């Protein structure tokens, strides 16, 4: 098999045909003639040694080989796109990239302002941020797949070096008119007879709630699980249960209107978020600059 035909442009043309299942439409989208596109596809099939499409009067149908190539071609194009972006960053004068994974709480509450401030004073450094679960962040740091991670304090950090980043205050959210809404502060055990709206399994907040329920000798009654803080708020507003969130993650305009926020009066009601690295001594200079900035961020914001 001659791999020279697996160039990115040929794979892009193949994907256009695979998505539309119509050579005329694919040729139009590719800004080329129908005959030219048909020739490129035929040459690709010849090099591979099997048919990628079944030609029918009303269009195309992918063969088993065609379906397999779609998956591989998408991965190749995605990798080439990332490669192009990275190399373009260097040609534009950017020094390098810092890879950051952070949990949802930090992404929603603190990181937008902190990263904007850092980027403003370090325009030559490219930042790559992904939102992940705290335990995933610890694993990625341990395996040195990322430079910096931000995670909650109730997840074992192993050999990761961690530094204080921020505190966040947890609040119990109840819908308007709920009997618990008369309280300003409440202990978690007082809420456990209610149905809960929570995050997906594995989130540090969900783990904390389940541990606290177990310590109180009760089971956390999860009625609905969603993937975002905003979705939790909307479900609670609709009366599907109560929930627990960081205060600053709740939209201010709905407090007192659709929701009541009660300060959590347990020892763990104020969480600590950490910024962590595998080894500060081994960090690249750009990542070291960001780590130093985030370690000081609580002093200014």
C-alpha atoms as a PDB file:
ATOM      1  CA  UNK A   1       0.000   0.000   0.000  1.00  0.00           C
ATOM      2  CA  UNK A   2       1.346   3.400  -1.011  1.00  0.00           C
ATOM      3  CA  UNK A   3       0.778   5.803   1.883  1.00  0.00           C
ATOM      4  CA  UNK A   4       1.775   8.823  -0.195  1.00  0.00           C
ATOM      5  CA  UNK A   5      -1.865   9.325  -1.224  1.00  0.00           C
ATOM      6  CA  UNK A   6      -2.910   9.820   2.379  1.00  0.00           C
ATOM      7  CA  UNK A   7      -2.144  13.512   2.179  1.00  0.00           C
ATOM      8  CA  UNK A   8      -4.402  15.846   4.192  1.00  0.00           C
ATOM      9  CA  UNK A   9      -6.029  17.415   1.127  1.00  0.00           C
ATOM     10  CA  UNK A  10      -7.051  14.047  -0.319  1.00  0.00           C
ATOM     11  CA  UNK A  11      -8.463  13.007   3.054  1.00  0.00           C
ATOM     12  CA  UNK A  12     -10.416  16.268   3.284  1.00  0.00           C
ATOM     13  CA  UNK A  13     -11.926  15.610  -0.156  1.00  0.00           C
ATOM     14  CA  UNK A  14     -12.805  12.067   0.883  1.00  0.00           C
ATOM     15  CA  UNK A  15     -14.543  13.372   4.023  1.00  0.00           C
ATOM     16  CA  UNK A  16     -16.554  15.884   1.982  1.00  0.00           C
ATOM     17  CA  UNK A  17     -17.804  13.042  -0.198  1.00  0.00           C
ATOM     18  CA  UNK A  18     -18.464  10.818   2.826  1.00  0.00           C
ATOM     19  CA  UNK A  19     -20.513  13.503   4.569  1.00  0.00           C
ATOM     20  CA  UNK A  20     -22.642  14.510   1.594  1.00  0.00           C
ATOM     21  CA  UNK A  21     -22.747  11.073  -0.107  1.00  0.00           C
ATOM     22  CA  UNK A  22     -22.995  13.039  -3.323  1.00  0.00           C
ATOM     23  CA  UNK A  23     -19.997  13.731  -5.562  1.00  0.00           C
ATOM     24  CA  UNK A  24     -21.611  16.740  -7.223  1.00  0.00           C
ATOM     25  CA  UNK A  25     -22.270  18.398  -3.862  1.00  0.00           C
ATOM     26  CA  UNK A  26     -18.808  17.477  -2.572  1.00  0.00           C
ATOM     27  CA  UNK A  27     -17.152  18.908  -5.702  1.00  0.00           C
ATOM     28  CA  UNK A  28     -19.115  22.142  -5.251  1.00  0.00           C
ATOM     29  CA  UNK A  29     -18.069  22.391  -1.588  1.00  0.00           C
ATOM     30  CA  UNK A  30     -14.441  21.719  -2.567  1.00  0.00           C
ATOM     31  CA  UNK A  31     -14.516  24.353  -5.344  1.00  0.00           C
ATOM     32  CA  UNK A  32     -13.373  21.858  -7.971  1.00  0.00           C
ATOM     33  CA  UNK A  33     -14.860  20.091 -10.971  1.00  0.00           C
ATOM     34  CA  UNK A  34     -16.810  16.871 -10.586  1.00  0.00           C
ATOM     35  CA  UNK A  35     -14.372  14.998 -12.829  1.00  0.00           C
ATOM     36  CA  UNK A  36     -11.359  16.184 -10.807  1.00  0.00           C
ATOM     37  CA  UNK A  37     -12.894  15.080  -7.503  1.00  0.00           C
ATOM     38  CA  UNK A  38     -14.010  11.753  -8.945  1.00  0.00           C
ATOM     39  CA  UNK A  39     -10.457  11.136 -10.172  1.00  0.00           C
ATOM     40  CA  UNK A  40      -8.963  11.908  -6.717  1.00  0.00           C
ATOM     41  CA  UNK A  41     -11.379   9.499  -5.028  1.00  0.00           C
ATOM     42  CA  UNK A  42     -10.715   6.773  -7.605  1.00  0.00           C
ATOM     43  CA  UNK A  43      -6.948   7.203  -7.206  1.00  0.00           C
ATOM     44  CA  UNK A  44      -7.312   6.943  -3.427  1.00  0.00           C
ATOM     45  CA  UNK A  45      -9.304   3.718  -3.785  1.00  0.00           C
ATOM     46  CA  UNK A  46      -6.667   2.329  -6.158  1.00  0.00           C
ATOM     47  CA  UNK A  47      -3.857   3.119  -3.725  1.00  0.00           C
ATOM     48  CA  UNK A  48      -5.751   1.547  -0.804  1.00  0.00           C
ATOM     49  CA  UNK A  49      -6.742  -1.470  -2.849  1.00  0.00           C
ATOM     50  CA  UNK A  50     -10.475  -1.473  -2.143  1.00  0.00           C
ATOM     51  CA  UNK A  51     -13.620   0.505  -2.816  1.00  0.00           C
ATOM     52  CA  UNK A  52     -14.575   3.255  -0.382  1.00  0.00           C
ATOM     53  CA  UNK A  53     -17.962   4.007  -1.938  1.00  0.00           C
ATOM     54  CA  UNK A  54     -20.691   2.112  -3.718  1.00  0.00           C
ATOM     55  CA  UNK A  55     -21.835   4.298  -6.616  1.00  0.00           C
ATOM     56  CA  UNK A  56     -25.595   4.339  -7.030  1.00  0.00           C
ATOM     57  CA  UNK A  57     -27.877   6.342  -9.301  1.00  0.00           C
ATOM     58  CA  UNK A  58     -29.043   8.537  -6.413  1.00  0.00           C
ATOM     59  CA  UNK A  59     -25.663   9.020  -4.791  1.00  0.00           C
ATOM     60  CA  UNK A  60     -22.954   7.271  -2.832  1.00  0.00           C
ATOM     61  CA  UNK A  61     -22.948   4.685  -0.075  1.00  0.00           C
ATOM     62  CA  UNK A  62     -19.940   4.060   2.148  1.00  0.00           C
ATOM     63  CA  UNK A  63     -18.440   0.588   2.175  1.00  0.00           C
ATOM     64  CA  UNK A  64     -17.068  -0.968   5.362  1.00  0.00           C
ATOM     65  CA  UNK A  65     -13.619   0.262   4.347  1.00  0.00           C
ATOM     66  CA  UNK A  66     -15.077   3.707   3.734  1.00  0.00           C
ATOM     67  CA  UNK A  67     -16.570   3.848   7.222  1.00  0.00           C
ATOM     68  CA  UNK A  68     -13.218   2.825   8.710  1.00  0.00           C
ATOM     69  CA  UNK A  69     -11.366   5.480   6.721  1.00  0.00           C
ATOM     70  CA  UNK A  70     -13.794   8.191   7.875  1.00  0.00           C
ATOM     71  CA  UNK A  71     -12.766   7.585  11.483  1.00  0.00           C
ATOM     72  CA  UNK A  72      -9.049   7.594  10.706  1.00  0.00           C
ATOM     73  CA  UNK A  73      -9.281  10.578   8.357  1.00  0.00           C
ATOM     74  CA  UNK A  74     -11.025  12.667  11.011  1.00  0.00           C
ATOM     75  CA  UNK A  75      -8.223  11.932  13.477  1.00  0.00           C
ATOM     76  CA  UNK A  76      -5.553  12.812  10.911  1.00  0.00           C
ATOM     77  CA  UNK A  77      -7.238  16.091   9.929  1.00  0.00           C
ATOM     78  CA  UNK A  78      -7.699  17.051  13.590  1.00  0.00           C
ATOM     79  CA  UNK A  79      -4.012  16.369  14.257  1.00  0.00           C
ATOM     80  CA  UNK A  80      -2.952  18.377  11.205  1.00  0.00           C
ATOM     81  CA  UNK A  81      -5.196  21.253  12.307  1.00  0.00           C
ATOM     82  CA  UNK A  82      -3.589  21.284  15.764  1.00  0.00           C
ATOM     83  CA  UNK A  83      -0.135  21.064  14.201  1.00  0.00           C
ATOM     84  CA  UNK A  84      -0.890  23.998  11.911  1.00  0.00           C
ATOM     85  CA  UNK A  85      -2.203  26.085  14.806  1.00  0.00           C
ATOM     86  CA  UNK A  86       0.845  25.314  16.938  1.00  0.00           C
ATOM     87  CA  UNK A  87       3.340  26.129  14.186  1.00  0.00           C
ATOM     88  CA  UNK A  88       1.406  29.278  13.263  1.00  0.00           C
ATOM     89  CA  UNK A  89       1.721  30.391  16.873  1.00  0.00           C
ATOM     90  CA  UNK A  90       5.498  30.145  16.617  1.00  0.00           C
ATOM     91  CA  UNK A  91       5.622  31.966  13.282  1.00  0.00           C
ATOM     92  CA  UNK A  92       3.452  34.725  14.750  1.00  0.00           C
ATOM     93  CA  UNK A  93       5.963  35.268  17.528  1.00  0.00           C
ATOM     94  CA  UNK A  94       4.317  33.196  20.284  1.00  0.00           C
ATOM     95  CA  UNK A  95       6.941  31.423  22.364  1.00  0.00           C
ATOM     96  CA  UNK A  96       5.042  28.330  23.368  1.00  0.00           C
ATOM     97  CA  UNK A  97       1.909  26.763  24.776  1.00  0.00           C
ATOM     98  CA  UNK A  98       0.899  26.059  28.368  1.00  0.00           C
ATOM     99  CA  UNK A  99      -1.550  23.181  28.763  1.00  0.00           C
ATOM    100  CA  UNK A 100      -4.046  23.657  31.613  1.00  0.00           C
ATOM    101  CA  UNK A 101      -6.776  21.373  32.909  1.00  0.00           C
ATOM    102  CA  UNK A 102      -9.153  22.774  35.519  1.00  0.00           C
ATOM    103  CA  UNK A 103     -12.259  21.632  37.340  1.00  0.00           C
ATOM    104  CA  UNK A 104     -15.638  23.210  36.663  1.00  0.00           C
ATOM    105  CA  UNK A 105     -15.656  25.375  39.796  1.00  0.00           C
ATOM    106  CA  UNK A 106     -12.425  27.153  38.901  1.00  0.00           C
ATOM    107  CA  UNK A 107     -13.375  27.506  35.221  1.00  0.00           C
ATOM    108  CA  UNK A 108     -16.660  29.201  36.069  1.00  0.00           C
ATOM    109  CA  UNK A 109     -15.579  31.318  39.018  1.00  0.00           C
ATOM    110  CA  UNK A 110     -11.952  32.383  38.828  1.00  0.00           C
ATOM    111  CA  UNK A 111      -9.999  31.330  35.753  1.00  0.00           C
ATOM    112  CA  UNK A 112     -11.633  33.617  33.154  1.00  0.00           C
ATOM    113  CA  UNK A 113     -10.416  36.729  34.945  1.00  0.00           C
ATOM    114  CA  UNK A 114      -7.079  35.254  35.979  1.00  0.00           C
ATOM    115  CA  UNK A 115      -6.175  33.942  32.529  1.00  0.00           C
ATOM    116  CA  UNK A 116      -7.305  37.165  30.871  1.00  0.00           C
ATOM    117  CA  UNK A 117      -5.051  39.151  33.199  1.00  0.00           C
ATOM    118  CA  UNK A 118      -2.122  36.804  32.562  1.00  0.00           C
ATOM    119  CA  UNK A 119      -2.638  36.853  28.794  1.00  0.00           C
ATOM    120  CA  UNK A 120      -2.763  40.638  28.837  1.00  0.00           C
ATOM    121  CA  UNK A 121       0.677  40.850  30.399  1.00  0.00           C
ATOM    122  CA  UNK A 122       2.112  37.851  28.485  1.00  0.00           C
ATOM    123  CA  UNK A 123       0.701  38.131  24.943  1.00  0.00           C
ATOM    124  CA  UNK A 124       3.384  35.840  23.501  1.00  0.00           C
ATOM    125  CA  UNK A 125       2.247  32.814  25.535  1.00  0.00           C
ATOM    126  CA  UNK A 126      -0.549  30.646  24.175  1.00  0.00           C
ATOM    127  CA  UNK A 127      -2.891  29.093  26.748  1.00  0.00           C
ATOM    128  CA  UNK A 128      -4.777  25.834  26.190  1.00  0.00           C
ATOM    129  CA  UNK A 129      -7.556  25.214  28.746  1.00  0.00           C
ATOM    130  CA  UNK A 130      -9.743  22.113  29.118  1.00  0.00           C
ATOM    131  CA  UNK A 131     -12.445  21.561  31.736  1.00  0.00           C
ATOM    132  CA  UNK A 132     -12.003  18.191  33.456  1.00  0.00           C
ATOM    133  CA  UNK A 133     -12.867  16.320  36.653  1.00  0.00           C
ATOM    134  CA  UNK A 134     -10.424  16.752  39.530  1.00  0.00           C
ATOM    135  CA  UNK A 135      -9.310  13.112  39.546  1.00  0.00           C
ATOM    136  CA  UNK A 136      -8.660  13.277  35.786  1.00  0.00           C
ATOM    137  CA  UNK A 137      -6.511  16.350  36.355  1.00  0.00           C
ATOM    138  CA  UNK A 138      -4.411  14.590  39.005  1.00  0.00           C
ATOM    139  CA  UNK A 139      -3.876  11.639  36.661  1.00  0.00           C
ATOM    140  CA  UNK A 140      -2.874  13.891  33.759  1.00  0.00           C
ATOM    141  CA  UNK A 141      -0.395  15.785  35.946  1.00  0.00           C
ATOM    142  CA  UNK A 142       1.115  12.542  37.230  1.00  0.00           C
ATOM    143  CA  UNK A 143       1.527  11.287  33.664  1.00  0.00           C
ATOM    144  CA  UNK A 144       2.925  14.692  32.584  1.00  0.00           C
ATOM    145  CA  UNK A 145       0.272  15.100  29.878  1.00  0.00           C
ATOM    146  CA  UNK A 146      -0.446  18.673  31.011  1.00  0.00           C
ATOM    147  CA  UNK A 147       1.585  21.470  32.548  1.00  0.00           C
ATOM    148  CA  UNK A 148      -0.781  22.889  35.176  1.00  0.00           C
ATOM    149  CA  UNK A 149      -3.963  21.636  36.832  1.00  0.00           C
ATOM    150  CA  UNK A 150      -6.524  23.163  39.183  1.00  0.00           C
ATOM    151  CA  UNK A 151      -8.505  20.773  41.373  1.00  0.00           C
ATOM    152  CA  UNK A 152     -10.501  20.482  44.602  1.00  0.00           C
ATOM    153  CA  UNK A 153      -9.007  19.633  47.979  1.00  0.00           C
ATOM    154  CA  UNK A 154     -10.893  16.382  48.601  1.00  0.00           C
ATOM    155  CA  UNK A 155      -9.157  14.461  45.809  1.00  0.00           C
ATOM    156  CA  UNK A 156      -5.905  12.648  46.759  1.00  0.00           C
ATOM    157  CA  UNK A 157      -3.085  14.399  44.915  1.00  0.00           C
ATOM    158  CA  UNK A 158      -0.379  11.750  45.258  1.00  0.00           C
ATOM    159  CA  UNK A 159       3.027  13.041  44.157  1.00  0.00           C
ATOM    160  CA  UNK A 160       1.627  16.174  42.518  1.00  0.00           C
ATOM    161  CA  UNK A 161       3.032  19.430  43.905  1.00  0.00           C
ATOM    162  CA  UNK A 162       0.113  21.641  44.902  1.00  0.00           C
ATOM    163  CA  UNK A 163      -0.256  25.263  45.984  1.00  0.00           C
ATOM    164  CA  UNK A 164      -3.195  27.266  47.321  1.00  0.00           C
ATOM    165  CA  UNK A 165      -5.270  28.863  44.569  1.00  0.00           C
ATOM    166  CA  UNK A 166      -8.676  29.974  45.900  1.00  0.00           C
ATOM    167  CA  UNK A 167     -11.411  29.271  48.440  1.00  0.00           C
ATOM    168  CA  UNK A 168     -14.993  28.815  47.316  1.00  0.00           C
ATOM    169  CA  UNK A 169     -18.062  28.911  49.565  1.00  0.00           C
ATOM    170  CA  UNK A 170     -20.593  26.145  49.026  1.00  0.00           C
ATOM    171  CA  UNK A 171     -24.302  26.907  49.266  1.00  0.00           C
ATOM    172  CA  UNK A 172     -27.418  24.763  49.344  1.00  0.00           C
ATOM    173  CA  UNK A 173     -29.839  25.817  46.613  1.00  0.00           C
ATOM    174  CA  UNK A 174     -33.570  25.312  47.060  1.00  0.00           C
ATOM    175  CA  UNK A 175     -36.423  26.446  44.810  1.00  0.00           C
ATOM    176  CA  UNK A 176     -38.517  29.434  45.688  1.00  0.00           C
ATOM    177  CA  UNK A 177     -41.182  28.535  48.248  1.00  0.00           C
ATOM    178  CA  UNK A 178     -39.288  25.527  49.615  1.00  0.00           C
ATOM    179  CA  UNK A 179     -39.650  25.072  53.426  1.00  0.00           C
ATOM    180  CA  UNK A 180     -35.866  25.265  53.876  1.00  0.00           C
ATOM    181  CA  UNK A 181     -35.789  28.670  52.194  1.00  0.00           C
ATOM    182  CA  UNK A 182     -36.391  30.414  55.529  1.00  0.00           C
ATOM    183  CA  UNK A 183     -32.861  29.487  56.676  1.00  0.00           C
ATOM    184  CA  UNK A 184     -29.761  31.577  56.018  1.00  0.00           C
ATOM    185  CA  UNK A 185     -27.351  28.818  57.008  1.00  0.00           C
ATOM    186  CA  UNK A 186     -27.931  25.094  57.135  1.00  0.00           C
ATOM    187  CA  UNK A 187     -26.066  21.870  57.818  1.00  0.00           C
ATOM    188  CA  UNK A 188     -25.927  19.253  55.101  1.00  0.00           C
ATOM    189  CA  UNK A 189     -27.573  16.602  57.284  1.00  0.00           C
ATOM    190  CA  UNK A 190     -30.700  18.793  57.465  1.00  0.00           C
ATOM    191  CA  UNK A 191     -31.093  18.633  53.689  1.00  0.00           C
ATOM    192  CA  UNK A 192     -30.664  14.896  53.143  1.00  0.00           C
ATOM    193  CA  UNK A 193     -34.380  14.058  53.276  1.00  0.00           C
ATOM    194  CA  UNK A 194     -34.831  15.916  49.976  1.00  0.00           C
ATOM    195  CA  UNK A 195     -34.310  14.811  46.398  1.00  0.00           C
ATOM    196  CA  UNK A 196     -31.105  16.219  44.897  1.00  0.00           C
ATOM    197  CA  UNK A 197     -30.044  17.565  41.543  1.00  0.00           C
ATOM    198  CA  UNK A 198     -26.350  16.808  41.131  1.00  0.00           C
ATOM    199  CA  UNK A 199     -23.426  16.653  38.756  1.00  0.00           C
ATOM    200  CA  UNK A 200     -22.264  13.583  36.871  1.00  0.00           C
ATOM    201  CA  UNK A 201     -20.568  10.827  38.860  1.00  0.00           C
ATOM    202  CA  UNK A 202     -16.884  11.435  39.525  1.00  0.00           C
ATOM    203  CA  UNK A 203     -16.963  15.187  40.067  1.00  0.00           C
ATOM    204  CA  UNK A 204     -15.242  16.286  43.273  1.00  0.00           C
ATOM    205  CA  UNK A 205     -18.406  18.033  44.469  1.00  0.00           C
ATOM    206  CA  UNK A 206     -20.496  14.920  43.862  1.00  0.00           C
ATOM    207  CA  UNK A 207     -17.958  12.768  45.728  1.00  0.00           C
ATOM    208  CA  UNK A 208     -18.009  15.206  48.651  1.00  0.00           C
ATOM    209  CA  UNK A 209     -21.803  15.121  48.854  1.00  0.00           C
ATOM    210  CA  UNK A 210     -21.915  11.318  48.770  1.00  0.00           C
ATOM    211  CA  UNK A 211     -19.225  11.046  51.454  1.00  0.00           C
ATOM    212  CA  UNK A 212     -21.083  13.515  53.683  1.00  0.00           C
ATOM    213  CA  UNK A 213     -24.356  11.634  53.255  1.00  0.00           C
ATOM    214  CA  UNK A 214     -22.646   8.350  54.151  1.00  0.00           C
ATOM    215  CA  UNK A 215     -21.083   9.945  57.238  1.00  0.00           C
ATOM    216  CA  UNK A 216     -24.568  11.027  58.316  1.00  0.00           C
ATOM    217  CA  UNK A 217     -25.849   7.472  57.880  1.00  0.00           C
ATOM    218  CA  UNK A 218     -28.056   8.350  54.922  1.00  0.00           C
ATOM    219  CA  UNK A 219     -28.146   7.828  51.181  1.00  0.00           C
ATOM    220  CA  UNK A 220     -27.932  10.768  48.814  1.00  0.00           C
ATOM    221  CA  UNK A 221     -31.249  10.801  46.951  1.00  0.00           C
ATOM    222  CA  UNK A 222     -30.130  11.801  43.473  1.00  0.00           C
ATOM    223  CA  UNK A 223     -33.154  12.466  41.308  1.00  0.00           C
ATOM    224  CA  UNK A 224     -31.439  14.180  38.378  1.00  0.00           C
ATOM    225  CA  UNK A 225     -27.798  14.324  37.291  1.00  0.00           C
ATOM    226  CA  UNK A 226     -26.565  16.894  34.778  1.00  0.00           C
ATOM    227  CA  UNK A 227     -23.199  18.057  33.471  1.00  0.00           C
ATOM    228  CA  UNK A 228     -23.139  21.783  34.280  1.00  0.00           C
ATOM    229  CA  UNK A 229     -23.776  24.172  37.165  1.00  0.00           C
ATOM    230  CA  UNK A 230     -26.232  26.200  35.097  1.00  0.00           C
ATOM    231  CA  UNK A 231     -28.263  23.076  34.352  1.00  0.00           C
ATOM    232  CA  UNK A 232     -28.387  22.295  38.085  1.00  0.00           C
ATOM    233  CA  UNK A 233     -29.792  25.764  38.771  1.00  0.00           C
ATOM    234  CA  UNK A 234     -32.452  25.384  36.091  1.00  0.00           C
ATOM    235  CA  UNK A 235     -33.532  21.971  37.362  1.00  0.00           C
ATOM    236  CA  UNK A 236     -33.804  23.269  40.929  1.00  0.00           C
ATOM    237  CA  UNK A 237     -35.769  26.307  39.716  1.00  0.00           C
ATOM    238  CA  UNK A 238     -38.173  23.868  38.075  1.00  0.00           C
ATOM    239  CA  UNK A 239     -38.720  22.113  41.417  1.00  0.00           C
ATOM    240  CA  UNK A 240     -36.918  18.855  40.669  1.00  0.00           C
ATOM    241  CA  UNK A 241     -34.917  18.913  43.889  1.00  0.00           C
ATOM    242  CA  UNK A 242     -32.291  20.790  45.878  1.00  0.00           C
ATOM    243  CA  UNK A 243     -28.586  21.054  45.150  1.00  0.00           C
ATOM    244  CA  UNK A 244     -25.150  22.140  46.303  1.00  0.00           C
ATOM    245  CA  UNK A 245     -22.964  24.574  44.362  1.00  0.00           C
ATOM    246  CA  UNK A 246     -20.202  27.140  44.860  1.00  0.00           C
ATOM    247  CA  UNK A 247     -21.856  30.496  45.540  1.00  0.00           C
ATOM    248  CA  UNK A 248     -20.028  32.342  42.776  1.00  0.00           C
ATOM    249  CA  UNK A 249     -21.177  29.745  40.238  1.00  0.00           C
ATOM    250  CA  UNK A 250     -24.812  30.758  40.745  1.00  0.00           C
ATOM    251  CA  UNK A 251     -26.137  33.511  38.521  1.00  0.00           C
ATOM    252  CA  UNK A 252     -26.807  36.498  40.848  1.00  0.00           C
ATOM    253  CA  UNK A 253     -30.039  37.462  39.097  1.00  0.00           C
ATOM    254  CA  UNK A 254     -31.821  34.242  40.112  1.00  0.00           C
ATOM    255  CA  UNK A 255     -30.990  34.410  43.823  1.00  0.00           C
ATOM    256  CA  UNK A 256     -34.154  35.493  45.597  1.00  0.00           C
ATOM    257  CA  UNK A 257     -36.248  35.096  42.453  1.00  0.00           C
ATOM    258  CA  UNK A 258     -36.155  31.479  41.380  1.00  0.00           C
ATOM    259  CA  UNK A 259     -33.768  30.161  44.022  1.00  0.00           C
ATOM    260  CA  UNK A 260     -32.734  30.578  47.637  1.00  0.00           C
ATOM    261  CA  UNK A 261     -29.048  30.105  48.532  1.00  0.00           C
ATOM    262  CA  UNK A 262     -28.309  28.872  52.058  1.00  0.00           C
ATOM    263  CA  UNK A 263     -24.721  28.947  53.297  1.00  0.00           C
ATOM    264  CA  UNK A 264     -23.491  25.440  54.097  1.00  0.00           C
ATOM    265  CA  UNK A 265     -22.667  25.421  57.810  1.00  0.00           C
ATOM    266  CA  UNK A 266     -20.423  22.336  57.792  1.00  0.00           C
ATOM    267  CA  UNK A 267     -16.651  22.271  58.205  1.00  0.00           C
ATOM    268  CA  UNK A 268     -16.318  21.441  54.513  1.00  0.00           C
ATOM    269  CA  UNK A 269     -18.650  24.277  53.469  1.00  0.00           C
ATOM    270  CA  UNK A 270     -15.637  26.274  52.331  1.00  0.00           C
ATOM    271  CA  UNK A 271     -13.519  24.341  49.868  1.00  0.00           C
ATOM    272  CA  UNK A 272      -9.929  24.910  48.867  1.00  0.00           C
ATOM    273  CA  UNK A 273      -8.936  24.828  45.221  1.00  0.00           C
ATOM    274  CA  UNK A 274      -5.317  24.008  44.457  1.00  0.00           C
ATOM    275  CA  UNK A 275      -3.107  24.741  41.484  1.00  0.00           C
ATOM    276  CA  UNK A 276      -0.839  21.773  40.890  1.00  0.00           C
ATOM    277  CA  UNK A 277       2.108  20.674  38.766  1.00  0.00           C
ATOM    278  CA  UNK A 278       4.091  17.450  38.483  1.00  0.00           C
ATOM    279  CA  UNK A 279       7.325  19.240  39.325  1.00  0.00           C
ATOM    280  CA  UNK A 280       7.770  22.995  39.537  1.00  0.00           C
ATOM    281  CA  UNK A 281      11.510  22.585  39.030  1.00  0.00           C
ATOM    282  CA  UNK A 282      10.933  20.837  35.692  1.00  0.00           C
ATOM    283  CA  UNK A 283       8.422  23.331  34.266  1.00  0.00           C
ATOM    284  CA  UNK A 284       9.096  25.160  31.042  1.00  0.00           C
ATOM    285  CA  UNK A 285       9.651  28.910  31.599  1.00  0.00           C
ATOM    286  CA  UNK A 286       6.227  29.903  30.235  1.00  0.00           C
ATOM    287  CA  UNK A 287       4.424  27.384  32.455  1.00  0.00           C
ATOM    288  CA  UNK A 288       6.487  28.572  35.431  1.00  0.00           C
ATOM    289  CA  UNK A 289       5.351  32.142  34.784  1.00  0.00           C
ATOM    290  CA  UNK A 290       1.704  31.075  34.784  1.00  0.00           C
ATOM    291  CA  UNK A 291       2.142  28.967  37.931  1.00  0.00           C
ATOM    292  CA  UNK A 292       3.706  31.903  39.767  1.00  0.00           C
ATOM    293  CA  UNK A 293       0.868  34.150  38.592  1.00  0.00           C
ATOM    294  CA  UNK A 294      -1.882  31.751  39.724  1.00  0.00           C
ATOM    295  CA  UNK A 295      -0.233  31.242  43.122  1.00  0.00           C
ATOM    296  CA  UNK A 296      -0.535  35.012  43.688  1.00  0.00           C
ATOM    297  CA  UNK A 297      -3.971  35.441  42.085  1.00  0.00           C
ATOM    298  CA  UNK A 298      -5.919  35.294  45.364  1.00  0.00           C
ATOM    299  CA  UNK A 299      -4.107  38.425  46.529  1.00  0.00           C
ATOM    300  CA  UNK A 300      -5.522  40.556  43.724  1.00  0.00           C
ATOM    301  CA  UNK A 301      -8.880  39.037  42.871  1.00  0.00           C
END
